[in-house]
Amino acid sequence: MIVYYNDRYLSKDEVSISPDDRGFVFGDGVYEVIYYYPRQLFEMDSHLTRLTRSLTELRINYGDVSNLKSVAKNLIEKNNLQDNHATVYLQITRGVAKRAHAFPPKATPVTVYGSASPFHRDEQKLHNGIKIILLPDIRWSRCDIKSVCLLPNALGNQQAKEAQVGEAIFVRDGMITEGTHTNAFAVFGNTVYTYPKSNYILAGITRKVVFDICRQDRIEIIEEPVSQERFRFADEVFISGTTAEITPVIQVDNHTIGNGNPGPVTRSLQKAFEKIIGQ
């Protein structure tokens, strides 16, 4: 695999990251994952806009991220992934410095890493839907920053794996927030509800596309918290994310959603999304 590391393209085996890198020591960094559909880096500009915001919120001085668009394209080409489904991973940390909680000098170079990998699009989950579980949201209150500090997300996703379900959805103060790596939606009648954009959720790129589709197709979508009790008895539930796309949910904990099959609103959103990505 050819990766990008601090302005160089080299074999992944050649990369050597210092144990003093603040990304390693403190999780002091940010990242993005971009889906590559054959011949298309999906919503690349939106990902870079969000990356810029994350860098700004953590006060990591990287500057203009627009060069990373060509980095992503080069990684796809150098790994011969042009005709495949793939993901591009981009990460920027505050760099290498003596271990101290306070920031190192501003002149400290950041560490930039990028890679591209083949990705298997799970058609079965997209068609049949998944089961999910609800878990207490134990994360910090800046979930809007796409930080590499993902331990609560990893723990939650591991619980989902052990429960043999597709995702874990967090609950804060009795309200559904989002998944370990997805945004969550509930449908009542023909109206879609999702947690409002705030510091408690990540403003997902696919979430934004769902909003665009709803506006275009005149489906009402409301940013309003849904209680976990109401969520379990929604007419439809679905999640969205870069790799999840728009995935139907057919069971929440032990509660079957609707008749146990993906509902019409979710199917309509999926169909519109597939047109956008050219599938």
C-alpha atoms as a PDB file:
ATOM      1  CA  MET A   1       0.000   0.000   0.000  1.00  0.00           C
ATOM      2  CA  ILE A   2       1.208   3.480  -0.890  1.00  0.00           C
ATOM      3  CA  VAL A   3       0.409   6.132   1.723  1.00  0.00           C
ATOM      4  CA  TYR A   4       0.982   9.851   2.178  1.00  0.00           C
ATOM      5  CA  TYR A   5       3.128  10.956   5.098  1.00  0.00           C
ATOM      6  CA  ASN A   6       4.357  14.510   5.622  1.00  0.00           C
ATOM      7  CA  ASP A   7       4.564  15.523   1.944  1.00  0.00           C
ATOM      8  CA  ARG A   8       5.855  12.144   0.745  1.00  0.00           C
ATOM      9  CA  TYR A   9       4.270   9.114  -0.935  1.00  0.00           C
ATOM     10  CA  LEU A  10       5.851   5.898   0.283  1.00  0.00           C
ATOM     11  CA  SER A  11       5.121   2.315   1.208  1.00  0.00           C
ATOM     12  CA  LYS A  12       3.116   1.993   4.406  1.00  0.00           C
ATOM     13  CA  ASP A  13       5.894  -0.211   5.822  1.00  0.00           C
ATOM     14  CA  GLU A  14       8.297   2.725   5.535  1.00  0.00           C
ATOM     15  CA  VAL A  15       6.258   5.060   7.717  1.00  0.00           C
ATOM     16  CA  SER A  16       7.750   5.722  11.136  1.00  0.00           C
ATOM     17  CA  ILE A  17       5.716   7.835  13.554  1.00  0.00           C
ATOM     18  CA  SER A  18       7.435   9.222  16.637  1.00  0.00           C
ATOM     19  CA  PRO A  19       6.195   7.994  20.036  1.00  0.00           C
ATOM     20  CA  ASP A  20       6.248  11.690  20.976  1.00  0.00           C
ATOM     21  CA  ASP A  21       3.633  12.553  18.363  1.00  0.00           C
ATOM     22  CA  ARG A  22       0.756  14.234  20.162  1.00  0.00           C
ATOM     23  CA  GLY A  23      -1.711  12.184  18.166  1.00  0.00           C
ATOM     24  CA  PHE A  24      -0.211   9.072  19.755  1.00  0.00           C
ATOM     25  CA  VAL A  25       0.242  10.496  23.251  1.00  0.00           C
ATOM     26  CA  PHE A  26      -2.899  12.625  23.651  1.00  0.00           C
ATOM     27  CA  GLY A  27      -5.153  11.793  20.708  1.00  0.00           C
ATOM     28  CA  ASP A  28      -4.443  15.400  19.736  1.00  0.00           C
ATOM     29  CA  GLY A  29      -5.546  15.330  16.131  1.00  0.00           C
ATOM     30  CA  VAL A  30      -8.417  15.251  13.665  1.00  0.00           C
ATOM     31  CA  TYR A  31      -9.391  13.084  10.716  1.00  0.00           C
ATOM     32  CA  GLU A  32     -11.770  12.542   7.827  1.00  0.00           C
ATOM     33  CA  VAL A  33     -12.887   9.463   5.890  1.00  0.00           C
ATOM     34  CA  ILE A  34     -13.993  10.031   2.301  1.00  0.00           C
ATOM     35  CA  TYR A  35     -15.870   7.428   0.268  1.00  0.00           C
ATOM     36  CA  TYR A  36     -14.559   6.898  -3.239  1.00  0.00           C
ATOM     37  CA  TYR A  37     -17.170   5.590  -5.646  1.00  0.00           C
ATOM     38  CA  PRO A  38     -15.644   4.637  -9.002  1.00  0.00           C
ATOM     39  CA  ARG A  39     -14.440   7.929 -10.515  1.00  0.00           C
ATOM     40  CA  GLN A  40     -15.881  10.039  -7.677  1.00  0.00           C
ATOM     41  CA  LEU A  41     -14.544  11.230  -4.312  1.00  0.00           C
ATOM     42  CA  PHE A  42     -17.953  11.750  -2.738  1.00  0.00           C
ATOM     43  CA  GLU A  43     -18.599  15.177  -1.179  1.00  0.00           C
ATOM     44  CA  MET A  44     -14.850  15.848  -0.963  1.00  0.00           C
ATOM     45  CA  ASP A  45     -15.303  19.604  -0.549  1.00  0.00           C
ATOM     46  CA  SER A  46     -17.719  19.071   2.334  1.00  0.00           C
ATOM     47  CA  HIS A  47     -15.221  16.799   4.060  1.00  0.00           C
ATOM     48  CA  LEU A  48     -12.474  19.398   3.687  1.00  0.00           C
ATOM     49  CA  THR A  49     -14.756  22.108   5.053  1.00  0.00           C
ATOM     50  CA  ARG A  50     -15.459  19.974   8.106  1.00  0.00           C
ATOM     51  CA  LEU A  51     -11.761  19.145   8.470  1.00  0.00           C
ATOM     52  CA  THR A  52     -10.958  22.860   8.469  1.00  0.00           C
ATOM     53  CA  ARG A  53     -13.534  23.429  11.198  1.00  0.00           C
ATOM     54  CA  SER A  54     -12.130  20.598  13.335  1.00  0.00           C
ATOM     55  CA  LEU A  55      -8.598  21.990  12.970  1.00  0.00           C
ATOM     56  CA  THR A  56      -9.819  25.455  13.911  1.00  0.00           C
ATOM     57  CA  GLU A  57     -11.715  24.218  16.980  1.00  0.00           C
ATOM     58  CA  LEU A  58      -8.610  22.364  18.241  1.00  0.00           C
ATOM     59  CA  ARG A  59      -6.336  25.268  17.239  1.00  0.00           C
ATOM     60  CA  ILE A  60      -4.111  23.065  15.085  1.00  0.00           C
ATOM     61  CA  ASN A  61      -2.290  25.321  12.648  1.00  0.00           C
ATOM     62  CA  TYR A  62      -2.353  23.531   9.299  1.00  0.00           C
ATOM     63  CA  GLY A  63      -3.562  26.233   6.963  1.00  0.00           C
ATOM     64  CA  ASP A  64      -5.318  25.641   3.657  1.00  0.00           C
ATOM     65  CA  VAL A  65      -6.468  22.020   3.359  1.00  0.00           C
ATOM     66  CA  SER A  66      -7.306  22.256  -0.359  1.00  0.00           C
ATOM     67  CA  ASN A  67      -4.080  20.442  -1.276  1.00  0.00           C
ATOM     68  CA  LEU A  68      -5.488  17.321   0.363  1.00  0.00           C
ATOM     69  CA  LYS A  69      -7.933  16.928  -2.510  1.00  0.00           C
ATOM     70  CA  SER A  70      -5.044  16.107  -4.849  1.00  0.00           C
ATOM     71  CA  VAL A  71      -3.499  13.936  -2.136  1.00  0.00           C
ATOM     72  CA  ALA A  72      -6.706  11.874  -1.986  1.00  0.00           C
ATOM     73  CA  LYS A  73      -6.829  11.526  -5.773  1.00  0.00           C
ATOM     74  CA  ASN A  74      -3.164  10.517  -5.899  1.00  0.00           C
ATOM     75  CA  LEU A  75      -3.682   7.874  -3.215  1.00  0.00           C
ATOM     76  CA  ILE A  76      -6.515   6.328  -5.234  1.00  0.00           C
ATOM     77  CA  GLU A  77      -4.364   6.269  -8.371  1.00  0.00           C
ATOM     78  CA  LYS A  78      -1.153   5.073  -6.728  1.00  0.00           C
ATOM     79  CA  ASN A  79      -3.045   2.150  -5.180  1.00  0.00           C
ATOM     80  CA  ASN A  80      -4.843   1.305  -8.457  1.00  0.00           C
ATOM     81  CA  LEU A  81      -8.288   1.835  -6.961  1.00  0.00           C
ATOM     82  CA  GLN A  82      -9.801   3.958  -9.752  1.00  0.00           C
ATOM     83  CA  ASP A  83     -12.420   1.332 -10.659  1.00  0.00           C
ATOM     84  CA  ASN A  84     -13.181   0.176  -7.112  1.00  0.00           C
ATOM     85  CA  HIS A  85     -15.148   1.239  -4.093  1.00  0.00           C
ATOM     86  CA  ALA A  86     -12.639   2.612  -1.610  1.00  0.00           C
ATOM     87  CA  THR A  87     -12.154   4.901   1.364  1.00  0.00           C
ATOM     88  CA  VAL A  88      -9.547   7.608   1.801  1.00  0.00           C
ATOM     89  CA  TYR A  89      -8.379   8.315   5.355  1.00  0.00           C
ATOM     90  CA  LEU A  90      -6.793  11.679   6.195  1.00  0.00           C
ATOM     91  CA  GLN A  91      -5.372  12.538   9.619  1.00  0.00           C
ATOM     92  CA  ILE A  92      -3.618  15.628  10.967  1.00  0.00           C
ATOM     93  CA  THR A  93      -2.099  15.813  14.459  1.00  0.00           C
ATOM     94  CA  ARG A  94      -0.430  18.664  16.337  1.00  0.00           C
ATOM     95  CA  GLY A  95       2.931  17.059  15.656  1.00  0.00           C
ATOM     96  CA  VAL A  96       5.941  15.817  17.604  1.00  0.00           C
ATOM     97  CA  ALA A  97       6.891  17.531  20.871  1.00  0.00           C
ATOM     98  CA  LYS A  98       8.048  16.864  24.404  1.00  0.00           C
ATOM     99  CA  ARG A  99       5.180  15.371  26.391  1.00  0.00           C
ATOM    100  CA  ALA A 100       3.339  18.217  28.089  1.00  0.00           C
ATOM    101  CA  HIS A 101      -0.356  18.927  28.213  1.00  0.00           C
ATOM    102  CA  ALA A 102      -0.028  22.502  26.979  1.00  0.00           C
ATOM    103  CA  PHE A 103       0.494  23.086  23.256  1.00  0.00           C
ATOM    104  CA  PRO A 104       4.040  22.996  21.848  1.00  0.00           C
ATOM    105  CA  PRO A 105       5.465  26.109  20.114  1.00  0.00           C
ATOM    106  CA  LYS A 106       3.392  27.292  17.137  1.00  0.00           C
ATOM    107  CA  ALA A 107       6.248  26.503  14.772  1.00  0.00           C
ATOM    108  CA  THR A 108       6.021  22.775  15.586  1.00  0.00           C
ATOM    109  CA  PRO A 109       5.273  20.958  12.295  1.00  0.00           C
ATOM    110  CA  VAL A 110       2.009  19.059  12.195  1.00  0.00           C
ATOM    111  CA  THR A 111       1.929  15.380  11.243  1.00  0.00           C
ATOM    112  CA  VAL A 112      -0.130  14.557   8.151  1.00  0.00           C
ATOM    113  CA  TYR A 113      -1.035  11.012   7.153  1.00  0.00           C
ATOM    114  CA  GLY A 114      -3.267   9.689   4.384  1.00  0.00           C
ATOM    115  CA  SER A 115      -4.159   6.263   3.020  1.00  0.00           C
ATOM    116  CA  ALA A 116      -6.599   4.660   0.587  1.00  0.00           C
ATOM    117  CA  SER A 117      -8.091   1.187   0.980  1.00  0.00           C
ATOM    118  CA  PRO A 118     -10.586  -0.957  -0.932  1.00  0.00           C
ATOM    119  CA  PHE A 119     -14.042  -0.985   0.646  1.00  0.00           C
ATOM    120  CA  HIS A 120     -16.775  -3.620   0.465  1.00  0.00           C
ATOM    121  CA  ARG A 121     -20.200  -2.016   0.053  1.00  0.00           C
ATOM    122  CA  ASP A 122     -22.555  -4.218   2.081  1.00  0.00           C
ATOM    123  CA  GLU A 123     -25.539  -4.523  -0.252  1.00  0.00           C
ATOM    124  CA  GLN A 124     -27.265  -6.974   2.082  1.00  0.00           C
ATOM    125  CA  LYS A 125     -27.395  -4.538   5.010  1.00  0.00           C
ATOM    126  CA  LEU A 126     -28.503  -1.724   2.739  1.00  0.00           C
ATOM    127  CA  HIS A 127     -31.333  -3.868   1.393  1.00  0.00           C
ATOM    128  CA  ASN A 128     -32.433  -5.846   4.451  1.00  0.00           C
ATOM    129  CA  GLY A 129     -31.613  -3.406   7.231  1.00  0.00           C
ATOM    130  CA  ILE A 130     -29.820  -3.917  10.529  1.00  0.00           C
ATOM    131  CA  LYS A 131     -30.525  -4.292  14.243  1.00  0.00           C
ATOM    132  CA  ILE A 132     -29.142  -1.759  16.702  1.00  0.00           C
ATOM    133  CA  ILE A 133     -28.786  -1.288  20.454  1.00  0.00           C
ATOM    134  CA  LEU A 134     -29.085   1.850  22.591  1.00  0.00           C
ATOM    135  CA  LEU A 135     -26.287   2.841  24.979  1.00  0.00           C
ATOM    136  CA  PRO A 136     -25.677   5.729  27.401  1.00  0.00           C
ATOM    137  CA  ASP A 137     -23.763   8.560  25.725  1.00  0.00           C
ATOM    138  CA  ILE A 138     -20.585   8.754  27.835  1.00  0.00           C
ATOM    139  CA  ARG A 139     -18.658  10.958  25.387  1.00  0.00           C
ATOM    140  CA  TRP A 140     -17.347  14.464  25.989  1.00  0.00           C
ATOM    141  CA  SER A 141     -19.442  17.501  25.032  1.00  0.00           C
ATOM    142  CA  ARG A 142     -17.550  18.390  21.832  1.00  0.00           C
ATOM    143  CA  CYS A 143     -18.760  15.591  19.591  1.00  0.00           C
ATOM    144  CA  ASP A 144     -18.971  18.153  16.771  1.00  0.00           C
ATOM    145  CA  ILE A 145     -15.179  17.975  16.405  1.00  0.00           C
ATOM    146  CA  LYS A 146     -14.026  15.002  14.345  1.00  0.00           C
ATOM    147  CA  SER A 147     -11.208  14.172  16.716  1.00  0.00           C
ATOM    148  CA  VAL A 148      -9.147  10.986  16.748  1.00  0.00           C
ATOM    149  CA  CYS A 149     -10.176  10.575  20.421  1.00  0.00           C
ATOM    150  CA  LEU A 150     -12.694   7.821  19.758  1.00  0.00           C
ATOM    151  CA  LEU A 151     -12.448   5.513  22.773  1.00  0.00           C
ATOM    152  CA  PRO A 152     -16.139   5.808  23.835  1.00  0.00           C
ATOM    153  CA  ASN A 153     -17.145   5.211  20.207  1.00  0.00           C
ATOM    154  CA  ALA A 154     -14.884   2.173  20.009  1.00  0.00           C
ATOM    155  CA  LEU A 155     -16.273   0.774  23.262  1.00  0.00           C
ATOM    156  CA  GLY A 156     -19.828   1.302  22.043  1.00  0.00           C
ATOM    157  CA  ASN A 157     -19.139  -0.286  18.691  1.00  0.00           C
ATOM    158  CA  GLN A 158     -17.552  -3.268  20.435  1.00  0.00           C
ATOM    159  CA  GLN A 159     -20.727  -3.708  22.491  1.00  0.00           C
ATOM    160  CA  ALA A 160     -22.705  -3.688  19.250  1.00  0.00           C
ATOM    161  CA  LYS A 161     -20.401  -6.322  17.804  1.00  0.00           C
ATOM    162  CA  GLU A 162     -20.732  -8.508  20.898  1.00  0.00           C
ATOM    163  CA  ALA A 163     -24.521  -8.130  20.727  1.00  0.00           C
ATOM    164  CA  GLN A 164     -24.328  -9.188  17.055  1.00  0.00           C
ATOM    165  CA  VAL A 165     -26.017  -6.038  15.803  1.00  0.00           C
ATOM    166  CA  GLY A 166     -25.026  -3.473  13.212  1.00  0.00           C
ATOM    167  CA  GLU A 167     -24.609  -0.317  15.309  1.00  0.00           C
ATOM    168  CA  ALA A 168     -24.935   1.195  18.775  1.00  0.00           C
ATOM    169  CA  ILE A 169     -26.853   4.459  19.166  1.00  0.00           C
ATOM    170  CA  PHE A 170     -26.083   6.815  22.032  1.00  0.00           C
ATOM    171  CA  VAL A 171     -28.663   8.233  24.456  1.00  0.00           C
ATOM    172  CA  ARG A 172     -27.979  11.489  26.346  1.00  0.00           C
ATOM    173  CA  ASP A 173     -30.455  12.704  28.989  1.00  0.00           C
ATOM    174  CA  GLY A 174     -33.039  10.276  27.628  1.00  0.00           C
ATOM    175  CA  MET A 175     -32.695  11.533  24.059  1.00  0.00           C
ATOM    176  CA  ILE A 176     -31.250   9.798  21.007  1.00  0.00           C
ATOM    177  CA  THR A 177     -28.105  11.607  19.807  1.00  0.00           C
ATOM    178  CA  GLU A 178     -26.183   9.592  17.196  1.00  0.00           C
ATOM    179  CA  GLY A 179     -24.383   6.317  16.555  1.00  0.00           C
ATOM    180  CA  THR A 180     -20.785   5.313  17.186  1.00  0.00           C
ATOM    181  CA  HIS A 181     -19.975   6.319  13.594  1.00  0.00           C
ATOM    182  CA  THR A 182     -23.349   7.320  12.140  1.00  0.00           C
ATOM    183  CA  ASN A 183     -26.206   9.792  12.511  1.00  0.00           C
ATOM    184  CA  ALA A 184     -29.608   8.459  13.583  1.00  0.00           C
ATOM    185  CA  PHE A 185     -33.070   9.258  12.184  1.00  0.00           C
ATOM    186  CA  ALA A 186     -36.623   8.328  13.186  1.00  0.00           C
ATOM    187  CA  VAL A 187     -39.621   8.510  10.874  1.00  0.00           C
ATOM    188  CA  PHE A 188     -43.168   9.147  12.107  1.00  0.00           C
ATOM    189  CA  GLY A 189     -45.686   9.142   9.283  1.00  0.00           C
ATOM    190  CA  ASN A 190     -43.913  10.972   6.469  1.00  0.00           C
ATOM    191  CA  THR A 191     -41.808  13.181   8.736  1.00  0.00           C
ATOM    192  CA  VAL A 192     -38.146  12.528   9.495  1.00  0.00           C
ATOM    193  CA  TYR A 193     -36.691  13.513  12.878  1.00  0.00           C
ATOM    194  CA  THR A 194     -33.035  13.743  13.862  1.00  0.00           C
ATOM    195  CA  TYR A 195     -31.032  15.311  16.676  1.00  0.00           C
ATOM    196  CA  PRO A 196     -30.341  19.003  16.015  1.00  0.00           C
ATOM    197  CA  LYS A 197     -26.928  20.135  14.870  1.00  0.00           C
ATOM    198  CA  SER A 198     -25.016  20.974  18.042  1.00  0.00           C
ATOM    199  CA  ASN A 199     -21.907  20.160  20.038  1.00  0.00           C
ATOM    200  CA  TYR A 200     -23.440  16.796  20.983  1.00  0.00           C
ATOM    201  CA  ILE A 201     -23.315  15.281  17.494  1.00  0.00           C
ATOM    202  CA  LEU A 202     -21.028  15.290  14.498  1.00  0.00           C
ATOM    203  CA  ALA A 203     -22.560  17.074  11.539  1.00  0.00           C
ATOM    204  CA  GLY A 204     -22.343  14.110   9.190  1.00  0.00           C
ATOM    205  CA  ILE A 205     -21.664  14.646   5.502  1.00  0.00           C
ATOM    206  CA  THR A 206     -24.229  12.012   4.534  1.00  0.00           C
ATOM    207  CA  ARG A 207     -26.593  13.605   7.072  1.00  0.00           C
ATOM    208  CA  LYS A 208     -26.331  16.798   5.013  1.00  0.00           C
ATOM    209  CA  VAL A 209     -27.131  14.836   1.846  1.00  0.00           C
ATOM    210  CA  VAL A 210     -30.202  13.342   3.561  1.00  0.00           C
ATOM    211  CA  PHE A 211     -31.402  16.878   4.321  1.00  0.00           C
ATOM    212  CA  ASP A 212     -30.821  17.868   0.691  1.00  0.00           C
ATOM    213  CA  ILE A 213     -32.826  14.892  -0.576  1.00  0.00           C
ATOM    214  CA  CYS A 214     -35.675  15.587   1.837  1.00  0.00           C
ATOM    215  CA  ARG A 215     -35.912  19.196   0.690  1.00  0.00           C
ATOM    216  CA  GLN A 216     -35.796  18.172  -2.957  1.00  0.00           C
ATOM    217  CA  ASP A 217     -38.428  15.458  -2.538  1.00  0.00           C
ATOM    218  CA  ARG A 218     -40.577  17.548  -0.186  1.00  0.00           C
ATOM    219  CA  ILE A 219     -40.154  15.182   2.729  1.00  0.00           C
ATOM    220  CA  GLU A 220     -40.472  17.099   5.988  1.00  0.00           C
ATOM    221  CA  ILE A 221     -37.341  16.769   8.143  1.00  0.00           C
ATOM    222  CA  ILE A 222     -37.205  18.216  11.636  1.00  0.00           C
ATOM    223  CA  GLU A 223     -34.146  18.715  13.819  1.00  0.00           C
ATOM    224  CA  GLU A 224     -35.652  17.779  17.147  1.00  0.00           C
ATOM    225  CA  PRO A 225     -34.535  15.354  19.864  1.00  0.00           C
ATOM    226  CA  VAL A 226     -36.450  12.077  20.015  1.00  0.00           C
ATOM    227  CA  SER A 227     -36.712  10.229  23.329  1.00  0.00           C
ATOM    228  CA  GLN A 228     -35.421   6.685  23.492  1.00  0.00           C
ATOM    229  CA  GLU A 229     -38.929   5.444  24.335  1.00  0.00           C
ATOM    230  CA  ARG A 230     -40.451   7.145  21.293  1.00  0.00           C
ATOM    231  CA  PHE A 231     -37.531   6.091  19.099  1.00  0.00           C
ATOM    232  CA  ARG A 232     -38.206   2.411  19.766  1.00  0.00           C
ATOM    233  CA  PHE A 233     -41.761   2.805  18.453  1.00  0.00           C
ATOM    234  CA  ALA A 234     -40.997   4.905  15.378  1.00  0.00           C
ATOM    235  CA  ASP A 235     -42.607   3.903  12.086  1.00  0.00           C
ATOM    236  CA  GLU A 236     -39.145   3.749  10.545  1.00  0.00           C
ATOM    237  CA  VAL A 237     -35.564   4.181  11.724  1.00  0.00           C
ATOM    238  CA  PHE A 238     -32.432   4.585   9.655  1.00  0.00           C
ATOM    239  CA  ILE A 239     -28.833   5.633  10.098  1.00  0.00           C
ATOM    240  CA  SER A 240     -26.534   7.540   7.781  1.00  0.00           C
ATOM    241  CA  GLY A 241     -22.784   7.770   7.422  1.00  0.00           C
ATOM    242  CA  THR A 242     -19.940   7.808   4.939  1.00  0.00           C
ATOM    243  CA  THR A 243     -19.698   4.014   4.765  1.00  0.00           C
ATOM    244  CA  ALA A 244     -23.201   3.266   6.104  1.00  0.00           C
ATOM    245  CA  GLU A 245     -24.763   5.470   3.389  1.00  0.00           C
ATOM    246  CA  ILE A 246     -28.490   5.286   4.287  1.00  0.00           C
ATOM    247  CA  THR A 247     -29.020   2.021   6.152  1.00  0.00           C
ATOM    248  CA  PRO A 248     -32.490   0.923   7.346  1.00  0.00           C
ATOM    249  CA  VAL A 249     -32.922  -0.188  10.967  1.00  0.00           C
ATOM    250  CA  ILE A 250     -35.411  -2.989  11.540  1.00  0.00           C
ATOM    251  CA  GLN A 251     -34.943  -3.539  15.292  1.00  0.00           C
ATOM    252  CA  VAL A 252     -33.977  -1.318  18.240  1.00  0.00           C
ATOM    253  CA  ASP A 253     -32.938  -3.337  21.286  1.00  0.00           C
ATOM    254  CA  ASN A 254     -35.754  -5.919  21.461  1.00  0.00           C
ATOM    255  CA  HIS A 255     -38.334  -3.768  19.649  1.00  0.00           C
ATOM    256  CA  THR A 256     -39.174  -4.484  16.019  1.00  0.00           C
ATOM    257  CA  ILE A 257     -39.491  -1.332  13.934  1.00  0.00           C
ATOM    258  CA  GLY A 258     -42.672  -1.201  11.871  1.00  0.00           C
ATOM    259  CA  ASN A 259     -43.324  -4.586  10.310  1.00  0.00           C
ATOM    260  CA  GLY A 260     -39.683  -5.589  10.508  1.00  0.00           C
ATOM    261  CA  ASN A 261     -38.841  -4.427   7.001  1.00  0.00           C
ATOM    262  CA  PRO A 262     -37.319  -1.174   5.706  1.00  0.00           C
ATOM    263  CA  GLY A 263     -40.066   1.420   5.346  1.00  0.00           C
ATOM    264  CA  PRO A 264     -41.174   3.495   2.344  1.00  0.00           C
ATOM    265  CA  VAL A 265     -39.568   6.787   3.406  1.00  0.00           C
ATOM    266  CA  THR A 266     -36.208   5.094   3.975  1.00  0.00           C
ATOM    267  CA  ARG A 267     -36.480   3.303   0.641  1.00  0.00           C
ATOM    268  CA  SER A 268     -37.273   6.586  -1.096  1.00  0.00           C
ATOM    269  CA  LEU A 269     -34.229   8.255   0.453  1.00  0.00           C
ATOM    270  CA  GLN A 270     -32.021   5.306  -0.501  1.00  0.00           C
ATOM    271  CA  LYS A 271     -33.227   5.427  -4.098  1.00  0.00           C
ATOM    272  CA  ALA A 272     -32.461   9.141  -4.371  1.00  0.00           C
ATOM    273  CA  PHE A 273     -29.061   8.648  -2.749  1.00  0.00           C
ATOM    274  CA  GLU A 274     -28.156   5.876  -5.188  1.00  0.00           C
ATOM    275  CA  LYS A 275     -28.922   8.210  -8.084  1.00  0.00           C
ATOM    276  CA  ILE A 276     -26.549  10.780  -6.610  1.00  0.00           C
ATOM    277  CA  ILE A 277     -23.689   8.301  -6.243  1.00  0.00           C
ATOM    278  CA  GLY A 278     -24.395   6.669  -9.581  1.00  0.00           C
ATOM    279  CA  GLN A 279     -25.137   3.171  -8.309  1.00  0.00           C
END
